[in-house]
Amino acid sequence: MRSLVLDELMRADVRKLAEHLGQSLTPSAMEGVYWMELPPDLLTGEQLEHKQCGPHRVALVLEEESLRLELLVRAQDSLRCSCTAYATPAQRAFLIGYMDRLIEELGIRT
């Protein structure tokens, strides 16, 4: 799995992240997993056409000492559809920007 990982996080920073992600993203049924929907203007043509599969989103996984942003854009209602794909360059840039803003806004030490 292609991912962007912030590791060696302090416990206080993990707590800040848990609170922020819990308020700003959709929590998964699995503890520590949060879903971020991609803005429609960043979806590929195929993802836009496959509205029935959406929303299209990525997972953020908060673990004991790390935050992992998966770069796989998933369709909520279909695991095997061709609209599930690794992030495009534009989607990747958006996701990296999100992580950069998260670090700055929450004062995460990396």
PDB file of N, CA and C in Angstrom:
ATOM      1  N   MET A   1       0.848  -1.183   0.000  1.00  0.00           N
ATOM      2  CA  MET A   1       0.000   0.000   0.000  1.00  0.00           C
ATOM      3  C   MET A   1       0.886   1.236   0.000  1.00  0.00           C
ATOM      4  N   ARG A   2       0.618   2.143  -0.856  1.00  0.00           N
ATOM      5  CA  ARG A   2       1.340   3.422  -0.866  1.00  0.00           C
ATOM      6  C   ARG A   2       0.713   4.317   0.190  1.00  0.00           C
ATOM      7  N   SER A   3       1.560   4.899   1.016  1.00  0.00           N
ATOM      8  CA  SER A   3       1.086   5.727   2.125  1.00  0.00           C
ATOM      9  C   SER A   3       2.084   6.832   2.421  1.00  0.00           C
ATOM     10  N   LEU A   4       1.577   7.858   3.068  1.00  0.00           N
ATOM     11  CA  LEU A   4       2.410   8.904   3.635  1.00  0.00           C
ATOM     12  C   LEU A   4       2.320   8.722   5.142  1.00  0.00           C
ATOM     13  N   VAL A   5       3.464   8.595   5.809  1.00  0.00           N
ATOM     14  CA  VAL A   5       3.466   8.270   7.238  1.00  0.00           C
ATOM     15  C   VAL A   5       4.194   9.341   8.035  1.00  0.00           C
ATOM     16  N   LEU A   6       3.543   9.780   9.111  1.00  0.00           N
ATOM     17  CA  LEU A   6       4.196  10.598  10.131  1.00  0.00           C
ATOM     18  C   LEU A   6       4.446   9.639  11.282  1.00  0.00           C
ATOM     19  N   ASP A   7       5.707   9.400  11.602  1.00  0.00           N
ATOM     20  CA  ASP A   7       5.978   8.435  12.656  1.00  0.00           C
ATOM     21  C   ASP A   7       6.753   9.072  13.798  1.00  0.00           C
ATOM     22  N   GLU A   8       7.011   8.280  14.808  1.00  0.00           N
ATOM     23  CA  GLU A   8       7.692   8.711  16.022  1.00  0.00           C
ATOM     24  C   GLU A   8       6.988   9.899  16.670  1.00  0.00           C
ATOM     25  N   LEU A   9       5.638   9.851  16.677  1.00  0.00           N
ATOM     26  CA  LEU A   9       4.849  10.924  17.261  1.00  0.00           C
ATOM     27  C   LEU A   9       4.820  10.809  18.779  1.00  0.00           C
ATOM     28  N   MET A  10       4.791  11.943  19.445  1.00  0.00           N
ATOM     29  CA  MET A  10       4.663  12.003  20.899  1.00  0.00           C
ATOM     30  C   MET A  10       3.213  11.672  21.268  1.00  0.00           C
ATOM     31  N   ARG A  11       3.012  11.115  22.458  1.00  0.00           N
ATOM     32  CA  ARG A  11       1.651  10.755  22.894  1.00  0.00           C
ATOM     33  C   ARG A  11       0.710  11.955  22.896  1.00  0.00           C
ATOM     34  N   ALA A  12       1.211  13.101  23.321  1.00  0.00           N
ATOM     35  CA  ALA A  12       0.371  14.303  23.346  1.00  0.00           C
ATOM     36  C   ALA A  12      -0.069  14.679  21.935  1.00  0.00           C
ATOM     37  N   ASP A  13       0.811  14.504  20.963  1.00  0.00           N
ATOM     38  CA  ASP A  13       0.465  14.809  19.578  1.00  0.00           C
ATOM     39  C   ASP A  13      -0.542  13.802  19.033  1.00  0.00           C
ATOM     40  N   VAL A  14      -0.419  12.547  19.429  1.00  0.00           N
ATOM     41  CA  VAL A  14      -1.393  11.527  19.004  1.00  0.00           C
ATOM     42  C   VAL A  14      -2.770  11.878  19.567  1.00  0.00           C
ATOM     43  N   ARG A  15      -2.820  12.344  20.813  1.00  0.00           N
ATOM     44  CA  ARG A  15      -4.098  12.753  21.410  1.00  0.00           C
ATOM     45  C   ARG A  15      -4.696  13.937  20.653  1.00  0.00           C
ATOM     46  N   LYS A  16      -3.865  14.925  20.300  1.00  0.00           N
ATOM     47  CA  LYS A  16      -4.342  16.074  19.523  1.00  0.00           C
ATOM     48  C   LYS A  16      -4.899  15.618  18.184  1.00  0.00           C
ATOM     49  N   LEU A  17      -4.178  14.723  17.530  1.00  0.00           N
ATOM     50  CA  LEU A  17      -4.627  14.208  16.236  1.00  0.00           C
ATOM     51  C   LEU A  17      -5.943  13.449  16.370  1.00  0.00           C
ATOM     52  N   ALA A  18      -6.073  12.621  17.389  1.00  0.00           N
ATOM     53  CA  ALA A  18      -7.300  11.851  17.588  1.00  0.00           C
ATOM     54  C   ALA A  18      -8.491  12.785  17.768  1.00  0.00           C
ATOM     55  N   GLU A  19      -8.317  13.812  18.559  1.00  0.00           N
ATOM     56  CA  GLU A  19      -9.412  14.764  18.779  1.00  0.00           C
ATOM     57  C   GLU A  19      -9.768  15.493  17.488  1.00  0.00           C
ATOM     58  N   HIS A  20      -8.757  15.994  16.802  1.00  0.00           N
ATOM     59  CA  HIS A  20      -8.998  16.748  15.563  1.00  0.00           C
ATOM     60  C   HIS A  20      -9.632  15.864  14.478  1.00  0.00           C
ATOM     61  N   LEU A  21      -9.067  14.692  14.257  1.00  0.00           N
ATOM     62  CA  LEU A  21      -9.592  13.806  13.211  1.00  0.00           C
ATOM     63  C   LEU A  21     -11.003  13.351  13.544  1.00  0.00           C
ATOM     64  N   GLY A  22     -11.267  13.099  14.819  1.00  0.00           N
ATOM     65  CA  GLY A  22     -12.600  12.684  15.235  1.00  0.00           C
ATOM     66  C   GLY A  22     -13.650  13.748  14.991  1.00  0.00           C
ATOM     67  N   GLN A  23     -13.247  15.012  15.043  1.00  0.00           N
ATOM     68  CA  GLN A  23     -14.180  16.116  14.822  1.00  0.00           C
ATOM     69  C   GLN A  23     -14.291  16.515  13.363  1.00  0.00           C
ATOM     70  N   SER A  24     -13.229  16.336  12.584  1.00  0.00           N
ATOM     71  CA  SER A  24     -13.222  16.881  11.225  1.00  0.00           C
ATOM     72  C   SER A  24     -13.426  15.847  10.125  1.00  0.00           C
ATOM     73  N   LEU A  25     -13.229  14.569  10.442  1.00  0.00           N
ATOM     74  CA  LEU A  25     -13.381  13.518   9.440  1.00  0.00           C
ATOM     75  C   LEU A  25     -14.441  12.516   9.901  1.00  0.00           C
ATOM     76  N   THR A  26     -14.748  11.573   9.042  1.00  0.00           N
ATOM     77  CA  THR A  26     -15.723  10.538   9.367  1.00  0.00           C
ATOM     78  C   THR A  26     -15.006   9.349   9.997  1.00  0.00           C
ATOM     79  N   PRO A  27     -15.311   9.055  11.256  1.00  0.00           N
ATOM     80  CA  PRO A  27     -14.676   7.882  11.876  1.00  0.00           C
ATOM     81  C   PRO A  27     -15.178   6.586  11.229  1.00  0.00           C
ATOM     82  N   SER A  28     -14.305   5.629  11.138  1.00  0.00           N
ATOM     83  CA  SER A  28     -14.644   4.310  10.625  1.00  0.00           C
ATOM     84  C   SER A  28     -15.155   3.452  11.784  1.00  0.00           C
ATOM     85  N   ALA A  29     -15.708   2.314  11.449  1.00  0.00           N
ATOM     86  CA  ALA A  29     -16.092   1.349  12.479  1.00  0.00           C
ATOM     87  C   ALA A  29     -14.848   0.772  13.166  1.00  0.00           C
ATOM     88  N   MET A  30     -13.707   0.863  12.499  1.00  0.00           N
ATOM     89  CA  MET A  30     -12.443   0.377  13.069  1.00  0.00           C
ATOM     90  C   MET A  30     -11.783   1.516  13.848  1.00  0.00           C
ATOM     91  N   GLU A  31     -11.391   1.228  15.074  1.00  0.00           N
ATOM     92  CA  GLU A  31     -10.773   2.252  15.907  1.00  0.00           C
ATOM     93  C   GLU A  31      -9.501   2.801  15.268  1.00  0.00           C
ATOM     94  N   GLY A  32      -9.386   4.126  15.280  1.00  0.00           N
ATOM     95  CA  GLY A  32      -8.197   4.778  14.750  1.00  0.00           C
ATOM     96  C   GLY A  32      -8.210   5.021  13.259  1.00  0.00           C
ATOM     97  N   VAL A  33      -9.274   4.611  12.567  1.00  0.00           N
ATOM     98  CA  VAL A  33      -9.364   4.818  11.125  1.00  0.00           C
ATOM     99  C   VAL A  33     -10.401   5.902  10.844  1.00  0.00           C
ATOM    100  N   TYR A  34      -9.999   6.866  10.031  1.00  0.00           N
ATOM    101  CA  TYR A  34     -10.854   7.995   9.679  1.00  0.00           C
ATOM    102  C   TYR A  34     -10.907   8.110   8.158  1.00  0.00           C
ATOM    103  N   TRP A  35     -12.049   8.559   7.639  1.00  0.00           N
ATOM    104  CA  TRP A  35     -12.231   8.710   6.197  1.00  0.00           C
ATOM    105  C   TRP A  35     -12.274  10.177   5.811  1.00  0.00           C
ATOM    106  N   MET A  36     -11.513  10.537   4.790  1.00  0.00           N
ATOM    107  CA  MET A  36     -11.557  11.873   4.220  1.00  0.00           C
ATOM    108  C   MET A  36     -12.058  11.779   2.785  1.00  0.00           C
ATOM    109  N   GLU A  37     -13.182  12.441   2.525  1.00  0.00           N
ATOM    110  CA  GLU A  37     -13.711  12.465   1.166  1.00  0.00           C
ATOM    111  C   GLU A  37     -12.916  13.460   0.338  1.00  0.00           C
ATOM    112  N   LEU A  38     -12.656  13.086  -0.909  1.00  0.00           N
ATOM    113  CA  LEU A  38     -11.965  14.002  -1.807  1.00  0.00           C
ATOM    114  C   LEU A  38     -12.959  14.986  -2.402  1.00  0.00           C
ATOM    115  N   PRO A  39     -12.553  16.232  -2.593  1.00  0.00           N
ATOM    116  CA  PRO A  39     -13.437  17.202  -3.245  1.00  0.00           C
ATOM    117  C   PRO A  39     -13.756  16.752  -4.673  1.00  0.00           C
ATOM    118  N   PRO A  40     -14.978  17.007  -5.127  1.00  0.00           N
ATOM    119  CA  PRO A  40     -15.379  16.570  -6.480  1.00  0.00           C
ATOM    120  C   PRO A  40     -14.458  17.068  -7.588  1.00  0.00           C
ATOM    121  N   ASP A  41     -13.898  18.268  -7.423  1.00  0.00           N
ATOM    122  CA  ASP A  41     -13.046  18.812  -8.483  1.00  0.00           C
ATOM    123  C   ASP A  41     -11.710  18.069  -8.599  1.00  0.00           C
ATOM    124  N   LEU A  42     -11.402  17.196  -7.652  1.00  0.00           N
ATOM    125  CA  LEU A  42     -10.169  16.409  -7.724  1.00  0.00           C
ATOM    126  C   LEU A  42     -10.397  14.978  -8.208  1.00  0.00           C
ATOM    127  N   LEU A  43     -11.651  14.580  -8.353  1.00  0.00           N
ATOM    128  CA  LEU A  43     -11.935  13.213  -8.793  1.00  0.00           C
ATOM    129  C   LEU A  43     -11.584  13.037 -10.261  1.00  0.00           C
ATOM    130  N   THR A  44     -11.205  11.831 -10.610  1.00  0.00           N
ATOM    131  CA  THR A  44     -10.941  11.511 -12.014  1.00  0.00           C
ATOM    132  C   THR A  44     -12.269  11.434 -12.756  1.00  0.00           C
ATOM    133  N   GLY A  45     -12.206  11.420 -14.069  1.00  0.00           N
ATOM    134  CA  GLY A  45     -13.418  11.281 -14.869  1.00  0.00           C
ATOM    135  C   GLY A  45     -14.193  10.033 -14.502  1.00  0.00           C
ATOM    136  N   GLU A  46     -13.485   8.937 -14.327  1.00  0.00           N
ATOM    137  CA  GLU A  46     -14.147   7.684 -13.980  1.00  0.00           C
ATOM    138  C   GLU A  46     -14.785   7.758 -12.591  1.00  0.00           C
ATOM    139  N   GLN A  47     -14.103   8.366 -11.643  1.00  0.00           N
ATOM    140  CA  GLN A  47     -14.669   8.501 -10.299  1.00  0.00           C
ATOM    141  C   GLN A  47     -15.918   9.378 -10.330  1.00  0.00           C
ATOM    142  N   LEU A  48     -15.903  10.428 -11.136  1.00  0.00           N
ATOM    143  CA  LEU A  48     -17.085  11.278 -11.279  1.00  0.00           C
ATOM    144  C   LEU A  48     -18.245  10.518 -11.911  1.00  0.00           C
ATOM    145  N   GLU A  49     -17.940   9.695 -12.895  1.00  0.00           N
ATOM    146  CA  GLU A  49     -18.983   8.910 -13.559  1.00  0.00           C
ATOM    147  C   GLU A  49     -19.592   7.869 -12.626  1.00  0.00           C
ATOM    148  N   HIS A  50     -18.823   7.388 -11.676  1.00  0.00           N
ATOM    149  CA  HIS A  50     -19.254   6.316 -10.779  1.00  0.00           C
ATOM    150  C   HIS A  50     -19.834   6.881  -9.480  1.00  0.00           C
ATOM    151  N   LYS A  51     -20.805   7.774  -9.595  1.00  0.00           N
ATOM    152  CA  LYS A  51     -21.434   8.371  -8.418  1.00  0.00           C
ATOM    153  C   LYS A  51     -22.025   7.302  -7.498  1.00  0.00           C
ATOM    154  N   GLN A  52     -22.512   6.212  -8.083  1.00  0.00           N
ATOM    155  CA  GLN A  52     -23.129   5.145  -7.287  1.00  0.00           C
ATOM    156  C   GLN A  52     -22.112   4.460  -6.373  1.00  0.00           C
ATOM    157  N   CYS A  53     -20.838   4.572  -6.682  1.00  0.00           N
ATOM    158  CA  CYS A  53     -19.793   3.954  -5.863  1.00  0.00           C
ATOM    159  C   CYS A  53     -19.352   4.864  -4.717  1.00  0.00           C
ATOM    160  N   GLY A  54     -19.570   6.142  -4.874  1.00  0.00           N
ATOM    161  CA  GLY A  54     -19.032   7.135  -3.971  1.00  0.00           C
ATOM    162  C   GLY A  54     -19.728   7.211  -2.638  1.00  0.00           C
ATOM    163  N   PRO A  55     -19.237   8.081  -1.793  1.00  0.00           N
ATOM    164  CA  PRO A  55     -18.182   9.045  -2.092  1.00  0.00           C
ATOM    165  C   PRO A  55     -16.806   8.376  -2.185  1.00  0.00           C
ATOM    166  N   HIS A  56     -15.918   9.056  -2.868  1.00  0.00           N
ATOM    167  CA  HIS A  56     -14.547   8.556  -3.006  1.00  0.00           C
ATOM    168  C   HIS A  56     -13.713   9.197  -1.910  1.00  0.00           C
ATOM    169  N   ARG A  57     -12.948   8.370  -1.227  1.00  0.00           N
ATOM    170  CA  ARG A  57     -12.288   8.829  -0.017  1.00  0.00           C
ATOM    171  C   ARG A  57     -10.980   8.092   0.217  1.00  0.00           C
ATOM    172  N   VAL A  58     -10.204   8.639   1.146  1.00  0.00           N
ATOM    173  CA  VAL A  58      -8.951   8.008   1.550  1.00  0.00           C
ATOM    174  C   VAL A  58      -9.005   7.760   3.049  1.00  0.00           C
ATOM    175  N   ALA A  59      -8.219   6.802   3.500  1.00  0.00           N
ATOM    176  CA  ALA A  59      -8.176   6.459   4.919  1.00  0.00           C
ATOM    177  C   ALA A  59      -6.967   7.101   5.581  1.00  0.00           C
ATOM    178  N   LEU A  60      -7.195   7.593   6.777  1.00  0.00           N
ATOM    179  CA  LEU A  60      -6.124   8.017   7.669  1.00  0.00           C
ATOM    180  C   LEU A  60      -6.170   7.073   8.857  1.00  0.00           C
ATOM    181  N   VAL A  61      -5.029   6.497   9.185  1.00  0.00           N
ATOM    182  CA  VAL A  61      -4.965   5.494  10.248  1.00  0.00           C
ATOM    183  C   VAL A  61      -4.054   6.023  11.356  1.00  0.00           C
ATOM    184  N   LEU A  62      -4.662   6.292  12.499  1.00  0.00           N
ATOM    185  CA  LEU A  62      -3.917   6.784  13.648  1.00  0.00           C
ATOM    186  C   LEU A  62      -3.557   5.594  14.529  1.00  0.00           C
ATOM    187  N   GLU A  63      -2.257   5.415  14.722  1.00  0.00           N
ATOM    188  CA  GLU A  63      -1.763   4.302  15.525  1.00  0.00           C
ATOM    189  C   GLU A  63      -1.048   4.857  16.751  1.00  0.00           C
ATOM    190  N   GLU A  64      -0.435   3.982  17.509  1.00  0.00           N
ATOM    191  CA  GLU A  64       0.165   4.361  18.787  1.00  0.00           C
ATOM    192  C   GLU A  64       1.189   5.495  18.662  1.00  0.00           C
ATOM    193  N   GLU A  65       2.005   5.463  17.613  1.00  0.00           N
ATOM    194  CA  GLU A  65       3.039   6.489  17.455  1.00  0.00           C
ATOM    195  C   GLU A  65       3.110   7.033  16.033  1.00  0.00           C
ATOM    196  N   SER A  66       2.043   6.831  15.237  1.00  0.00           N
ATOM    197  CA  SER A  66       2.107   7.284  13.850  1.00  0.00           C
ATOM    198  C   SER A  66       0.727   7.611  13.291  1.00  0.00           C
ATOM    199  N   LEU A  67       0.755   8.390  12.226  1.00  0.00           N
ATOM    200  CA  LEU A  67      -0.432   8.672  11.431  1.00  0.00           C
ATOM    201  C   LEU A  67      -0.098   8.300   9.999  1.00  0.00           C
ATOM    202  N   ARG A  68      -0.897   7.416   9.439  1.00  0.00           N
ATOM    203  CA  ARG A  68      -0.679   6.946   8.067  1.00  0.00           C
ATOM    204  C   ARG A  68      -1.824   7.420   7.184  1.00  0.00           C
ATOM    205  N   LEU A  69      -1.487   8.124   6.132  1.00  0.00           N
ATOM    206  CA  LEU A  69      -2.450   8.554   5.124  1.00  0.00           C
ATOM    207  C   LEU A  69      -2.287   7.632   3.926  1.00  0.00           C
ATOM    208  N   GLU A  70      -3.277   6.811   3.678  1.00  0.00           N
ATOM    209  CA  GLU A  70      -3.202   5.891   2.545  1.00  0.00           C
ATOM    210  C   GLU A  70      -3.458   6.667   1.259  1.00  0.00           C
ATOM    211  N   LEU A  71      -2.713   6.359   0.237  1.00  0.00           N
ATOM    212  CA  LEU A  71      -2.840   7.053  -1.043  1.00  0.00           C
ATOM    213  C   LEU A  71      -3.726   6.290  -2.026  1.00  0.00           C
ATOM    214  N   LEU A  72      -4.522   5.380  -1.509  1.00  0.00           N
ATOM    215  CA  LEU A  72      -5.487   4.659  -2.323  1.00  0.00           C
ATOM    216  C   LEU A  72      -6.835   5.350  -2.185  1.00  0.00           C
ATOM    217  N   VAL A  73      -7.365   5.835  -3.315  1.00  0.00           N
ATOM    218  CA  VAL A  73      -8.677   6.467  -3.311  1.00  0.00           C
ATOM    219  C   VAL A  73      -9.701   5.351  -3.467  1.00  0.00           C
ATOM    220  N   ARG A  74     -10.505   5.184  -2.430  1.00  0.00           N
ATOM    221  CA  ARG A  74     -11.465   4.086  -2.384  1.00  0.00           C
ATOM    222  C   ARG A  74     -12.871   4.587  -2.688  1.00  0.00           C
ATOM    223  N   ALA A  75     -13.649   3.705  -3.271  1.00  0.00           N
ATOM    224  CA  ALA A  75     -15.066   3.954  -3.449  1.00  0.00           C
ATOM    225  C   ALA A  75     -15.776   3.384  -2.228  1.00  0.00           C
ATOM    226  N   GLN A  76     -16.624   4.175  -1.603  1.00  0.00           N
ATOM    227  CA  GLN A  76     -17.280   3.733  -0.369  1.00  0.00           C
ATOM    228  C   GLN A  76     -18.092   2.461  -0.558  1.00  0.00           C
ATOM    229  N   ASP A  77     -18.792   2.355  -1.660  1.00  0.00           N
ATOM    230  CA  ASP A  77     -19.733   1.239  -1.820  1.00  0.00           C
ATOM    231  C   ASP A  77     -19.254   0.125  -2.731  1.00  0.00           C
ATOM    232  N   SER A  78     -18.000   0.152  -3.141  1.00  0.00           N
ATOM    233  CA  SER A  78     -17.510  -0.918  -4.002  1.00  0.00           C
ATOM    234  C   SER A  78     -16.002  -1.058  -3.849  1.00  0.00           C
ATOM    235  N   LEU A  79     -15.566  -2.205  -3.367  1.00  0.00           N
ATOM    236  CA  LEU A  79     -14.135  -2.426  -3.186  1.00  0.00           C
ATOM    237  C   LEU A  79     -13.439  -2.846  -4.473  1.00  0.00           C
ATOM    238  N   ARG A  80     -14.159  -3.411  -5.390  1.00  0.00           N
ATOM    239  CA  ARG A  80     -13.518  -3.989  -6.571  1.00  0.00           C
ATOM    240  C   ARG A  80     -13.782  -3.213  -7.860  1.00  0.00           C
ATOM    241  N   CYS A  81     -14.353  -2.034  -7.750  1.00  0.00           N
ATOM    242  CA  CYS A  81     -14.646  -1.256  -8.951  1.00  0.00           C
ATOM    243  C   CYS A  81     -13.363  -0.605  -9.482  1.00  0.00           C
ATOM    244  N   SER A  82     -13.321  -0.385 -10.770  1.00  0.00           N
ATOM    245  CA  SER A  82     -12.145   0.226 -11.400  1.00  0.00           C
ATOM    246  C   SER A  82     -11.973   1.691 -11.005  1.00  0.00           C
ATOM    247  N   CYS A  83     -12.984   2.292 -10.360  1.00  0.00           N
ATOM    248  CA  CYS A  83     -12.830   3.685  -9.923  1.00  0.00           C
ATOM    249  C   CYS A  83     -11.997   3.787  -8.637  1.00  0.00           C
ATOM    250  N   THR A  84     -11.723   2.661  -7.995  1.00  0.00           N
ATOM    251  CA  THR A  84     -10.782   2.628  -6.868  1.00  0.00           C
ATOM    252  C   THR A  84      -9.383   2.564  -7.462  1.00  0.00           C
ATOM    253  N   ALA A  85      -8.567   3.545  -7.117  1.00  0.00           N
ATOM    254  CA  ALA A  85      -7.234   3.630  -7.727  1.00  0.00           C
ATOM    255  C   ALA A  85      -6.316   4.457  -6.834  1.00  0.00           C
ATOM    256  N   TYR A  86      -5.022   4.322  -7.064  1.00  0.00           N
ATOM    257  CA  TYR A  86      -4.083   5.169  -6.344  1.00  0.00           C
ATOM    258  C   TYR A  86      -4.280   6.615  -6.756  1.00  0.00           C
ATOM    259  N   ALA A  87      -3.988   7.517  -5.842  1.00  0.00           N
ATOM    260  CA  ALA A  87      -4.186   8.944  -6.053  1.00  0.00           C
ATOM    261  C   ALA A  87      -3.420   9.436  -7.278  1.00  0.00           C
ATOM    262  N   THR A  88      -4.074  10.310  -8.026  1.00  0.00           N
ATOM    263  CA  THR A  88      -3.435  10.968  -9.157  1.00  0.00           C
ATOM    264  C   THR A  88      -2.448  12.000  -8.605  1.00  0.00           C
ATOM    265  N   PRO A  89      -1.593  12.573  -9.452  1.00  0.00           N
ATOM    266  CA  PRO A  89      -0.693  13.619  -8.947  1.00  0.00           C
ATOM    267  C   PRO A  89      -1.437  14.777  -8.271  1.00  0.00           C
ATOM    268  N   ALA A  90      -2.551  15.209  -8.825  1.00  0.00           N
ATOM    269  CA  ALA A  90      -3.313  16.309  -8.212  1.00  0.00           C
ATOM    270  C   ALA A  90      -3.909  15.885  -6.878  1.00  0.00           C
ATOM    271  N   GLN A  91      -4.431  14.678  -6.807  1.00  0.00           N
ATOM    272  CA  GLN A  91      -4.977  14.173  -5.549  1.00  0.00           C
ATOM    273  C   GLN A  91      -3.867  14.034  -4.506  1.00  0.00           C
ATOM    274  N   ARG A  92      -2.711  13.535  -4.942  1.00  0.00           N
ATOM    275  CA  ARG A  92      -1.570  13.383  -4.028  1.00  0.00           C
ATOM    276  C   ARG A  92      -1.133  14.739  -3.480  1.00  0.00           C
ATOM    277  N   ALA A  93      -1.072  15.742  -4.339  1.00  0.00           N
ATOM    278  CA  ALA A  93      -0.674  17.085  -3.901  1.00  0.00           C
ATOM    279  C   ALA A  93      -1.663  17.621  -2.862  1.00  0.00           C
ATOM    280  N   PHE A  94      -2.946  17.403  -3.080  1.00  0.00           N
ATOM    281  CA  PHE A  94      -3.971  17.824  -2.129  1.00  0.00           C
ATOM    282  C   PHE A  94      -3.774  17.116  -0.787  1.00  0.00           C
ATOM    283  N   LEU A  95      -3.529  15.819  -0.821  1.00  0.00           N
ATOM    284  CA  LEU A  95      -3.378  15.028   0.399  1.00  0.00           C
ATOM    285  C   LEU A  95      -2.114  15.408   1.165  1.00  0.00           C
ATOM    286  N   ILE A  96      -1.028  15.632   0.461  1.00  0.00           N
ATOM    287  CA  ILE A  96       0.210  16.064   1.119  1.00  0.00           C
ATOM    288  C   ILE A  96       0.015  17.447   1.732  1.00  0.00           C
ATOM    289  N   GLY A  97      -0.677  18.324   1.014  1.00  0.00           N
ATOM    290  CA  GLY A  97      -0.995  19.647   1.559  1.00  0.00           C
ATOM    291  C   GLY A  97      -1.834  19.544   2.824  1.00  0.00           C
ATOM    292  N   TYR A  98      -2.783  18.607   2.836  1.00  0.00           N
ATOM    293  CA  TYR A  98      -3.597  18.388   4.033  1.00  0.00           C
ATOM    294  C   TYR A  98      -2.708  18.001   5.215  1.00  0.00           C
ATOM    295  N   MET A  99      -1.806  17.067   4.988  1.00  0.00           N
ATOM    296  CA  MET A  99      -0.915  16.627   6.071  1.00  0.00           C
ATOM    297  C   MET A  99      -0.022  17.777   6.541  1.00  0.00           C
ATOM    298  N   ASP A 100       0.498  18.570   5.610  1.00  0.00           N
ATOM    299  CA  ASP A 100       1.328  19.720   5.986  1.00  0.00           C
ATOM    300  C   ASP A 100       0.540  20.709   6.846  1.00  0.00           C
ATOM    301  N   ARG A 101      -0.708  21.005   6.454  1.00  0.00           N
ATOM    302  CA  ARG A 101      -1.549  21.922   7.227  1.00  0.00           C
ATOM    303  C   ARG A 101      -1.864  21.338   8.605  1.00  0.00           C
ATOM    304  N   LEU A 102      -2.115  20.052   8.659  1.00  0.00           N
ATOM    305  CA  LEU A 102      -2.414  19.382   9.925  1.00  0.00           C
ATOM    306  C   LEU A 102      -1.236  19.525  10.892  1.00  0.00           C
ATOM    307  N   ILE A 103      -0.049  19.306  10.414  1.00  0.00           N
ATOM    308  CA  ILE A 103       1.159  19.436  11.240  1.00  0.00           C
ATOM    309  C   ILE A 103       1.283  20.866  11.762  1.00  0.00           C
ATOM    310  N   GLU A 104       1.078  21.828  10.882  1.00  0.00           N
ATOM    311  CA  GLU A 104       1.245  23.224  11.271  1.00  0.00           C
ATOM    312  C   GLU A 104       0.139  23.674  12.228  1.00  0.00           C
ATOM    313  N   GLU A 105      -1.117  23.400  11.879  1.00  0.00           N
ATOM    314  CA  GLU A 105      -2.246  23.861  12.690  1.00  0.00           C
ATOM    315  C   GLU A 105      -2.252  23.264  14.088  1.00  0.00           C
ATOM    316  N   LEU A 106      -1.879  21.996  14.195  1.00  0.00           N
ATOM    317  CA  LEU A 106      -1.914  21.347  15.505  1.00  0.00           C
ATOM    318  C   LEU A 106      -0.584  21.423  16.244  1.00  0.00           C
ATOM    319  N   GLY A 107       0.434  21.967  15.591  1.00  0.00           N
ATOM    320  CA  GLY A 107       1.750  22.079  16.231  1.00  0.00           C
ATOM    321  C   GLY A 107       2.379  20.723  16.490  1.00  0.00           C
ATOM    322  N   ILE A 108       2.189  19.793  15.555  1.00  0.00           N
ATOM    323  CA  ILE A 108       2.738  18.446  15.695  1.00  0.00           C
ATOM    324  C   ILE A 108       4.240  18.508  15.486  1.00  0.00           C
ATOM    325  N   ARG A 109       4.972  17.863  16.383  1.00  0.00           N
ATOM    326  CA  ARG A 109       6.439  17.824  16.250  1.00  0.00           C
ATOM    327  C   ARG A 109       6.825  16.585  15.463  1.00  0.00           C
ATOM    328  N   THR A 110       7.526  16.804  14.373  1.00  0.00           N
ATOM    329  CA  THR A 110       7.957  15.683  13.521  1.00  0.00           C
ATOM    330  C   THR A 110       9.468  15.666  13.400  1.00  0.00           C
TER     331      THR A 110
END
